[in-house]
């Protein structure tokens, strides 16, 4: 037996900081108010739960690897050609197979300063170089992105709306970005929070995908549909991109119960509208109340708000986080997103939102 060096991962892998999700538990006894992961407080549609349970009697069978029924349901719901829809194990998987298909050593891919952390992970895992474009006023800047473009650029990832800032790019700005990018650069529009947006100048990306050969839009069932545990995402892409992704995705990358639940969730329009209405109402309320307390909380287009804190001792985001934890409340620390002086609060149930407001009001008055 010849002994030598141990196997080494490819270049870039060890530069990846593993993704850390929002906490869900605290030490000690008692219930916890968890508003750290942007989950919908209304939960999934009862019809989705019923469909998931019904699928349990067929666990001996492989799922439909082509996700045919789910793609057809998505196509019917959004007016899309199912042949241009690709389904994934959450949109996270779609980012990884996109990077695998279109990025490699020597390539660069751009994402914005406070963009979703998985973009960087997917880029590095493919052997490419991540390039961070500065944001302006916590918002993606088309000009900053374009200044980062080089001959090595092969993709740009944009979360629109963005997590954790809640800001978004208007449709005309996204169109300006697409028009200015080289034709060989793939524009990835992540619309995870698109269903929550109620702005007239917003478009998730469907029109742009339909009218350009180099744009792809991703979506998820983890947010407004309440299926975070089921892990269902999808993308809408030009035919050539859809073909490339389908060639490398896992043959059975979605479980049948998850697909059945997603189809049922899509059909329950009343539940979707209730979730959106609840979010819009309470997002406005908490934003106003936080501003009354002196927090410079920006208007958010998602199902969360970003709360900035000071830097003086006893007033930092870390101090506030510890104060909230003592009251069994968990928000999201966002230092990994370059925002160490802020916490992100998911919009919860009325009693949860009121508990956070009361606790942070007490924190500010200490």
Protein backbone atom coordinates (compact mmCIF):
# COMPACT_ATOMS: atom_id res chain seq x y z
CA UNK A 1 0.00 0.00 0.00
CA UNK A 2 1.37 3.36 -1.06
CA UNK A 3 0.81 6.12 1.45
CA UNK A 4 0.92 9.79 0.54
CA UNK A 5 -1.10 12.93 0.98
CA UNK A 6 -4.79 12.70 1.82
CA UNK A 7 -7.31 13.71 -0.88
CA UNK A 8 -7.84 17.44 -1.17
CA UNK A 9 -11.07 19.19 -2.17
CA UNK A 10 -11.07 21.30 -5.31
CA UNK A 11 -9.93 24.89 -5.21
CA UNK A 12 -12.45 27.15 -3.52
CA UNK A 13 -14.23 24.55 -1.41
CA UNK A 14 -12.32 25.28 1.77
CA UNK A 15 -12.96 29.01 1.25
CA UNK A 16 -16.68 28.37 1.76
CA UNK A 17 -18.19 29.41 5.07
CA UNK A 18 -20.93 26.83 5.72
CA UNK A 19 -24.44 28.29 5.65
CA UNK A 20 -25.91 28.75 9.13
CA UNK A 21 -29.72 29.00 9.21
CA UNK A 22 -31.71 31.02 11.72
CA UNK A 23 -31.78 29.56 15.21
CA UNK A 24 -34.90 27.72 16.31
CA UNK A 25 -34.12 26.74 19.91
CA UNK A 26 -33.05 28.37 23.15
CA UNK A 27 -31.68 26.81 26.31
CA UNK A 28 -34.11 26.39 29.15
CA UNK A 29 -37.78 25.59 29.38
CA UNK A 30 -40.79 27.23 27.81
CA UNK A 31 -42.15 28.04 24.36
CA UNK A 32 -40.11 30.07 21.92
CA UNK A 33 -41.21 32.79 19.51
CA UNK A 34 -39.14 31.99 16.45
CA UNK A 35 -39.05 34.80 13.88
CA UNK A 36 -35.61 34.08 12.46
CA UNK A 37 -36.21 32.13 9.23
CA UNK A 38 -38.81 34.05 7.18
CA UNK A 39 -41.38 31.28 7.52
CA UNK A 40 -45.04 32.11 7.02
CA UNK A 41 -46.91 32.38 10.34
CA UNK A 42 -50.10 30.93 8.81
CA UNK A 43 -48.41 27.65 7.93
CA UNK A 44 -49.19 25.58 4.82
CA UNK A 45 -52.58 25.16 3.23
CA UNK A 46 -54.58 22.37 4.90
CA UNK A 47 -55.01 20.93 1.40
CA UNK A 48 -51.22 20.73 1.04
CA UNK A 49 -50.93 18.86 4.34
CA UNK A 50 -53.67 16.46 3.25
CA UNK A 51 -51.95 15.82 -0.09
CA UNK A 52 -48.62 15.17 1.63
CA UNK A 53 -50.19 12.66 4.00
CA UNK A 54 -52.04 10.89 1.17
CA UNK A 55 -48.74 10.35 -0.65
CA UNK A 56 -47.34 8.44 2.35
CA UNK A 57 -49.10 5.25 1.22
CA UNK A 58 -46.95 5.18 -1.93
CA UNK A 59 -43.47 5.59 -0.46
CA UNK A 60 -42.32 2.36 -2.12
CA UNK A 61 -42.54 4.01 -5.55
CA UNK A 62 -40.02 6.36 -7.12
CA UNK A 63 -41.34 9.88 -7.71
CA UNK A 64 -41.91 11.29 -11.17
CA UNK A 65 -38.37 12.37 -12.04
CA UNK A 66 -39.63 14.87 -14.60
CA UNK A 67 -41.93 16.57 -12.04
CA UNK A 68 -44.55 16.60 -14.81
CA UNK A 69 -47.67 17.30 -12.76
CA UNK A 70 -45.92 19.96 -10.68
CA UNK A 71 -44.50 21.73 -13.72
CA UNK A 72 -47.94 21.70 -15.35
CA UNK A 73 -49.52 23.11 -12.18
CA UNK A 74 -46.91 25.89 -11.99
CA UNK A 75 -47.38 26.61 -15.67
CA UNK A 76 -51.14 26.88 -15.27
CA UNK A 77 -50.85 29.10 -12.19
CA UNK A 78 -48.41 31.57 -13.75
CA UNK A 79 -49.23 31.25 -17.46
CA UNK A 80 -45.94 29.59 -18.38
CA UNK A 81 -44.83 26.83 -20.73
CA UNK A 82 -44.13 23.79 -18.49
CA UNK A 83 -41.31 22.74 -20.81
CA UNK A 84 -39.36 25.81 -19.65
CA UNK A 85 -39.81 25.04 -15.93
CA UNK A 86 -37.17 23.17 -13.92
CA UNK A 87 -37.92 21.94 -10.40
CA UNK A 88 -35.37 21.65 -7.63
CA UNK A 89 -34.89 20.61 -4.05
CA UNK A 90 -35.54 24.17 -2.95
CA UNK A 91 -34.18 27.04 -5.00
CA UNK A 92 -30.82 26.39 -3.28
CA UNK A 93 -30.31 23.31 -5.45
CA UNK A 94 -31.12 25.34 -8.55
CA UNK A 95 -28.37 27.86 -7.73
CA UNK A 96 -25.89 25.00 -7.39
CA UNK A 97 -26.79 23.31 -10.67
CA UNK A 98 -26.77 26.68 -12.42
CA UNK A 99 -23.24 27.26 -11.16
CA UNK A 100 -22.25 23.71 -12.11
CA UNK A 101 -23.60 24.18 -15.63
CA UNK A 102 -22.28 27.69 -16.37
CA UNK A 103 -19.31 28.39 -14.09
CA UNK A 104 -15.87 26.90 -13.70
CA UNK A 105 -12.26 27.70 -12.79
CA UNK A 106 -11.22 31.06 -14.19
CA UNK A 107 -14.78 32.39 -14.32
CA UNK A 108 -16.32 35.10 -12.16
CA UNK A 109 -19.87 35.54 -10.92
CA UNK A 110 -21.28 38.67 -9.30
CA UNK A 111 -23.69 39.06 -6.40
CA UNK A 112 -24.49 42.14 -4.34
CA UNK A 113 -23.04 43.18 -1.00
CA UNK A 114 -25.90 41.96 1.19
CA UNK A 115 -27.16 39.22 -1.14
CA UNK A 116 -28.19 35.66 -0.25
CA UNK A 117 -25.23 33.72 1.16
CA UNK A 118 -25.91 30.61 -0.93
CA UNK A 119 -24.84 32.45 -4.11
CA UNK A 120 -21.27 32.67 -2.82
CA UNK A 121 -21.33 29.01 -1.76
CA UNK A 122 -22.55 27.85 -5.19
CA UNK A 123 -20.00 29.99 -7.04
CA UNK A 124 -17.06 28.74 -4.98
CA UNK A 125 -18.25 25.12 -5.15
CA UNK A 126 -18.14 25.37 -8.96
CA UNK A 127 -14.53 26.56 -8.80
CA UNK A 128 -15.32 30.12 -9.90
CA UNK A 129 -14.51 33.42 -8.22
CA UNK A 130 -17.28 35.35 -6.39
CA UNK A 131 -17.27 39.11 -6.96
CA UNK A 132 -19.22 41.36 -4.57
CA UNK A 133 -20.86 44.48 -6.00
CA UNK A 134 -21.37 47.28 -3.46
CA UNK A 135 -24.94 48.26 -2.66
CA UNK A 136 -26.24 51.81 -2.26
CA UNK A 137 -28.57 52.51 0.66
CA UNK A 138 -28.90 48.75 1.24
CA UNK A 139 -30.18 48.32 -2.31
CA UNK A 140 -28.58 46.57 -5.28
CA UNK A 141 -27.03 49.10 -7.66
CA UNK A 142 -27.06 48.41 -11.39
CA UNK A 143 -24.13 50.76 -11.90
CA UNK A 144 -22.08 49.04 -9.19
CA UNK A 145 -22.79 45.64 -10.73
CA UNK A 146 -21.79 46.79 -14.19
CA UNK A 147 -18.55 48.24 -12.84
CA UNK A 148 -17.67 44.72 -11.61
CA UNK A 149 -18.13 43.06 -15.00
CA UNK A 150 -14.96 41.77 -16.67
CA UNK A 151 -14.31 39.40 -19.60
CA UNK A 152 -14.32 36.59 -17.00
CA UNK A 153 -17.86 37.35 -15.78
CA UNK A 154 -20.28 34.55 -16.58
CA UNK A 155 -23.23 35.16 -14.22
CA UNK A 156 -24.93 37.77 -12.04
CA UNK A 157 -27.15 36.74 -9.12
CA UNK A 158 -29.82 39.20 -7.96
CA UNK A 159 -32.24 38.55 -5.09
CA UNK A 160 -35.27 40.69 -5.85
CA UNK A 161 -36.59 41.50 -3.27
CA UNK A 162 -33.40 41.02 -1.33
CA UNK A 163 -33.02 39.17 1.93
CA UNK A 164 -32.21 40.47 4.56
CA UNK A 165 -32.59 44.12 3.53
CA UNK A 166 -36.13 43.90 2.09
CA UNK A 167 -35.19 46.27 -0.75
CA UNK A 168 -35.83 45.62 -4.44
CA UNK A 169 -34.89 46.79 -7.91
CA UNK A 170 -37.73 48.22 -10.03
CA UNK A 171 -38.41 46.43 -13.29
CA UNK A 172 -36.88 49.21 -15.38
CA UNK A 173 -33.60 48.94 -13.47
CA UNK A 174 -33.50 45.17 -13.98
CA UNK A 175 -34.12 45.72 -17.70
CA UNK A 176 -31.29 48.28 -17.77
CA UNK A 177 -28.98 45.76 -16.14
CA UNK A 178 -29.88 43.03 -18.61
CA UNK A 179 -29.41 45.34 -21.59
CA UNK A 180 -25.95 46.44 -20.41
CA UNK A 181 -24.62 42.97 -19.56
CA UNK A 182 -22.75 41.03 -22.25
CA UNK A 183 -24.89 38.46 -24.03
CA UNK A 184 -22.81 35.58 -22.64
CA UNK A 185 -23.52 36.58 -19.01
CA UNK A 186 -26.39 34.73 -17.35
CA UNK A 187 -28.67 36.93 -15.22
CA UNK A 188 -30.23 34.97 -12.34
CA UNK A 189 -33.29 36.65 -10.78
CA UNK A 190 -34.13 35.12 -7.42
CA UNK A 191 -37.81 35.81 -6.69
CA UNK A 192 -38.14 33.90 -3.42
CA UNK A 193 -40.26 36.71 -1.93
CA UNK A 194 -42.03 37.79 -5.13
CA UNK A 195 -45.49 36.78 -3.91
CA UNK A 196 -45.28 39.30 -1.07
CA UNK A 197 -44.51 42.34 -3.25
CA UNK A 198 -47.30 44.86 -3.82
CA UNK A 199 -45.41 47.54 -5.77
CA UNK A 200 -46.48 48.70 -9.23
CA UNK A 201 -42.90 48.98 -10.52
CA UNK A 202 -41.94 45.40 -9.65
CA UNK A 203 -41.74 42.35 -11.92
CA UNK A 204 -40.32 39.03 -10.75
CA UNK A 205 -38.65 38.20 -14.06
CA UNK A 206 -41.20 36.21 -16.06
CA UNK A 207 -41.35 38.76 -18.87
CA UNK A 208 -37.58 39.07 -19.10
CA UNK A 209 -37.07 35.31 -19.26
CA UNK A 210 -39.65 35.12 -22.04
CA UNK A 211 -37.99 37.86 -24.09
CA UNK A 212 -34.25 37.18 -23.62
CA UNK A 213 -32.12 34.05 -24.12
CA UNK A 214 -29.82 34.67 -21.15
CA UNK A 215 -32.06 35.26 -18.10
CA UNK A 216 -33.46 32.79 -15.58
CA UNK A 217 -35.89 33.33 -12.71
CA UNK A 218 -36.04 31.16 -9.59
CA UNK A 219 -38.91 30.81 -7.10
CA UNK A 220 -39.66 28.79 -3.99
CA UNK A 221 -42.52 27.14 -2.11
CA UNK A 222 -40.74 27.76 1.21
CA UNK A 223 -42.11 31.25 1.89
CA UNK A 224 -45.73 32.28 1.25
CA UNK A 225 -46.79 28.67 0.49
CA UNK A 226 -45.48 27.46 3.86
CA UNK A 227 -43.64 24.38 2.57
CA UNK A 228 -40.12 25.10 3.85
CA UNK A 229 -39.72 21.54 5.18
CA UNK A 230 -40.85 20.02 1.87
CA UNK A 231 -37.96 21.63 -0.08
CA UNK A 232 -39.57 22.61 -3.38
CA UNK A 233 -38.18 25.26 -5.71
CA UNK A 234 -38.56 25.98 -9.39
CA UNK A 235 -37.03 28.00 -12.18
CA UNK A 236 -38.33 29.46 -15.42
CA UNK A 237 -35.72 29.55 -18.15
CA UNK A 238 -35.22 29.75 -21.90
CA UNK A 239 -35.32 26.34 -23.58
CA UNK A 240 -31.53 26.00 -23.95
CA UNK A 241 -30.88 26.77 -20.28
CA UNK A 242 -33.67 24.48 -19.11
CA UNK A 243 -32.18 21.69 -21.23
CA UNK A 244 -28.72 22.19 -19.70
CA UNK A 245 -30.02 22.14 -16.14
CA UNK A 246 -32.17 19.07 -16.69
CA UNK A 247 -29.12 17.19 -17.98
CA UNK A 248 -27.25 17.55 -14.67
CA UNK A 249 -29.89 17.71 -11.95
CA UNK A 250 -30.44 14.55 -9.90
CA UNK A 251 -32.86 12.11 -11.58
CA UNK A 252 -35.28 12.11 -8.63
CA UNK A 253 -34.47 15.41 -6.93
CA UNK A 254 -37.96 16.01 -5.48
CA UNK A 255 -39.92 13.66 -3.24
CA UNK A 256 -43.44 12.79 -4.42
CA UNK A 257 -45.13 13.95 -1.19
CA UNK A 258 -43.42 17.33 -1.59
CA UNK A 259 -44.58 17.66 -5.18
CA UNK A 260 -48.16 16.69 -4.28
CA UNK A 261 -48.18 19.22 -1.43
CA UNK A 262 -46.88 21.96 -3.73
CA UNK A 263 -49.59 21.27 -6.32
CA UNK A 264 -52.27 21.48 -3.62
CA UNK A 265 -50.74 24.66 -2.19
CA UNK A 266 -50.84 26.35 -5.60
CA UNK A 267 -54.53 25.57 -5.93
CA UNK A 268 -55.49 27.10 -2.57
CA UNK A 269 -55.74 30.72 -3.69
CA UNK A 270 -57.65 31.77 -0.57
CA UNK A 271 -54.82 30.61 1.70
CA UNK A 272 -52.23 32.43 -0.39
CA UNK A 273 -54.23 35.66 -0.30
CA UNK A 274 -54.75 35.35 3.46
CA UNK A 275 -51.00 34.92 3.99
CA UNK A 276 -50.24 37.95 1.82
CA UNK A 277 -52.88 40.12 3.49
CA UNK A 278 -51.65 39.19 6.98
CA UNK A 279 -48.08 39.98 5.99
CA UNK A 280 -48.92 43.31 4.39
CA UNK A 281 -50.94 44.43 7.41
CA UNK A 282 -48.40 43.48 10.04
CA UNK A 283 -45.34 44.48 8.04
CA UNK A 284 -46.76 48.01 7.92
CA UNK A 285 -47.68 47.98 11.61
CA UNK A 286 -44.31 46.80 12.92
CA UNK A 287 -42.46 49.16 10.58
CA UNK A 288 -44.42 52.13 11.91
CA UNK A 289 -44.06 51.07 15.54
CA UNK A 290 -40.31 50.54 15.23
CA UNK A 291 -39.94 53.98 13.68
CA UNK A 292 -41.83 55.46 16.63
CA UNK A 293 -39.21 53.85 18.89
CA UNK A 294 -36.47 55.58 16.91
CA UNK A 295 -35.33 52.68 14.74
CA UNK A 296 -34.53 53.60 11.14
CA UNK A 297 -36.50 50.69 9.68
CA UNK A 298 -36.83 50.81 5.90
CA UNK A 299 -39.92 49.77 4.02
CA UNK A 300 -39.63 46.09 3.12
CA UNK A 301 -41.04 44.26 0.12
CA UNK A 302 -40.66 40.83 1.77
CA UNK A 303 -42.12 39.09 4.81
CA UNK A 304 -39.54 40.55 7.19
CA UNK A 305 -38.05 43.83 8.34
CA UNK A 306 -34.46 44.80 9.05
CA UNK A 307 -33.95 46.57 12.39
CA UNK A 308 -30.73 48.63 12.74
CA UNK A 309 -29.20 49.22 16.16
CA UNK A 310 -26.50 51.50 17.49
CA UNK A 311 -22.89 50.71 18.26
CA UNK A 312 -22.68 52.03 21.83
CA UNK A 313 -22.34 49.58 24.71
CA UNK A 314 -25.66 48.11 25.78
CA UNK A 315 -27.42 49.22 22.58
CA UNK A 316 -25.95 46.94 19.91
CA UNK A 317 -27.76 44.31 17.88
CA UNK A 318 -26.01 41.66 19.95
CA UNK A 319 -27.26 43.28 23.16
CA UNK A 320 -30.79 43.40 21.76
CA UNK A 321 -30.53 39.77 20.66
CA UNK A 322 -29.51 38.68 24.15
CA UNK A 323 -32.32 40.78 25.66
CA UNK A 324 -34.87 39.16 23.35
CA UNK A 325 -33.53 35.67 24.00
CA UNK A 326 -34.13 36.20 27.72
CA UNK A 327 -37.77 36.71 26.78
CA UNK A 328 -37.79 33.56 24.62
CA UNK A 329 -37.76 35.50 21.34
CA UNK A 330 -35.43 34.65 18.45
CA UNK A 331 -34.74 37.10 15.61
CA UNK A 332 -31.98 36.66 13.03
CA UNK A 333 -28.51 38.04 13.49
CA UNK A 334 -27.22 39.11 10.07
CA UNK A 335 -23.51 39.71 10.65
CA UNK A 336 -22.74 37.12 7.96
CA UNK A 337 -24.53 39.40 5.50
CA UNK A 338 -22.27 42.32 6.39
CA UNK A 339 -24.86 43.85 8.72
CA UNK A 340 -23.49 43.33 12.26
CA UNK A 341 -25.50 46.24 13.65
CA UNK A 342 -28.92 44.86 12.64
CA UNK A 343 -31.42 42.10 13.39
CA UNK A 344 -33.96 40.73 10.93
CA UNK A 345 -37.50 40.04 12.13
CA UNK A 346 -39.85 37.76 10.23
CA UNK A 347 -43.48 38.90 10.34
CA UNK A 348 -45.25 36.48 12.69
CA UNK A 349 -48.67 36.02 14.20
CA UNK A 350 -50.28 39.04 15.86
CA UNK A 351 -49.35 37.96 19.38
CA UNK A 352 -45.76 37.22 18.28
CA UNK A 353 -45.38 40.60 16.59
CA UNK A 354 -46.78 42.39 19.64
CA UNK A 355 -44.40 40.50 21.91
CA UNK A 356 -41.39 41.65 19.86
CA UNK A 357 -42.63 45.24 19.79
CA UNK A 358 -43.13 45.26 23.55
CA UNK A 359 -39.73 43.70 24.22
CA UNK A 360 -37.81 46.08 21.96
CA UNK A 361 -39.68 49.05 23.37
CA UNK A 362 -38.55 47.91 26.81
CA UNK A 363 -35.00 47.48 25.46
CA UNK A 364 -34.89 51.04 24.12
CA UNK A 365 -36.24 52.52 27.37
CA UNK A 366 -33.74 50.82 29.69
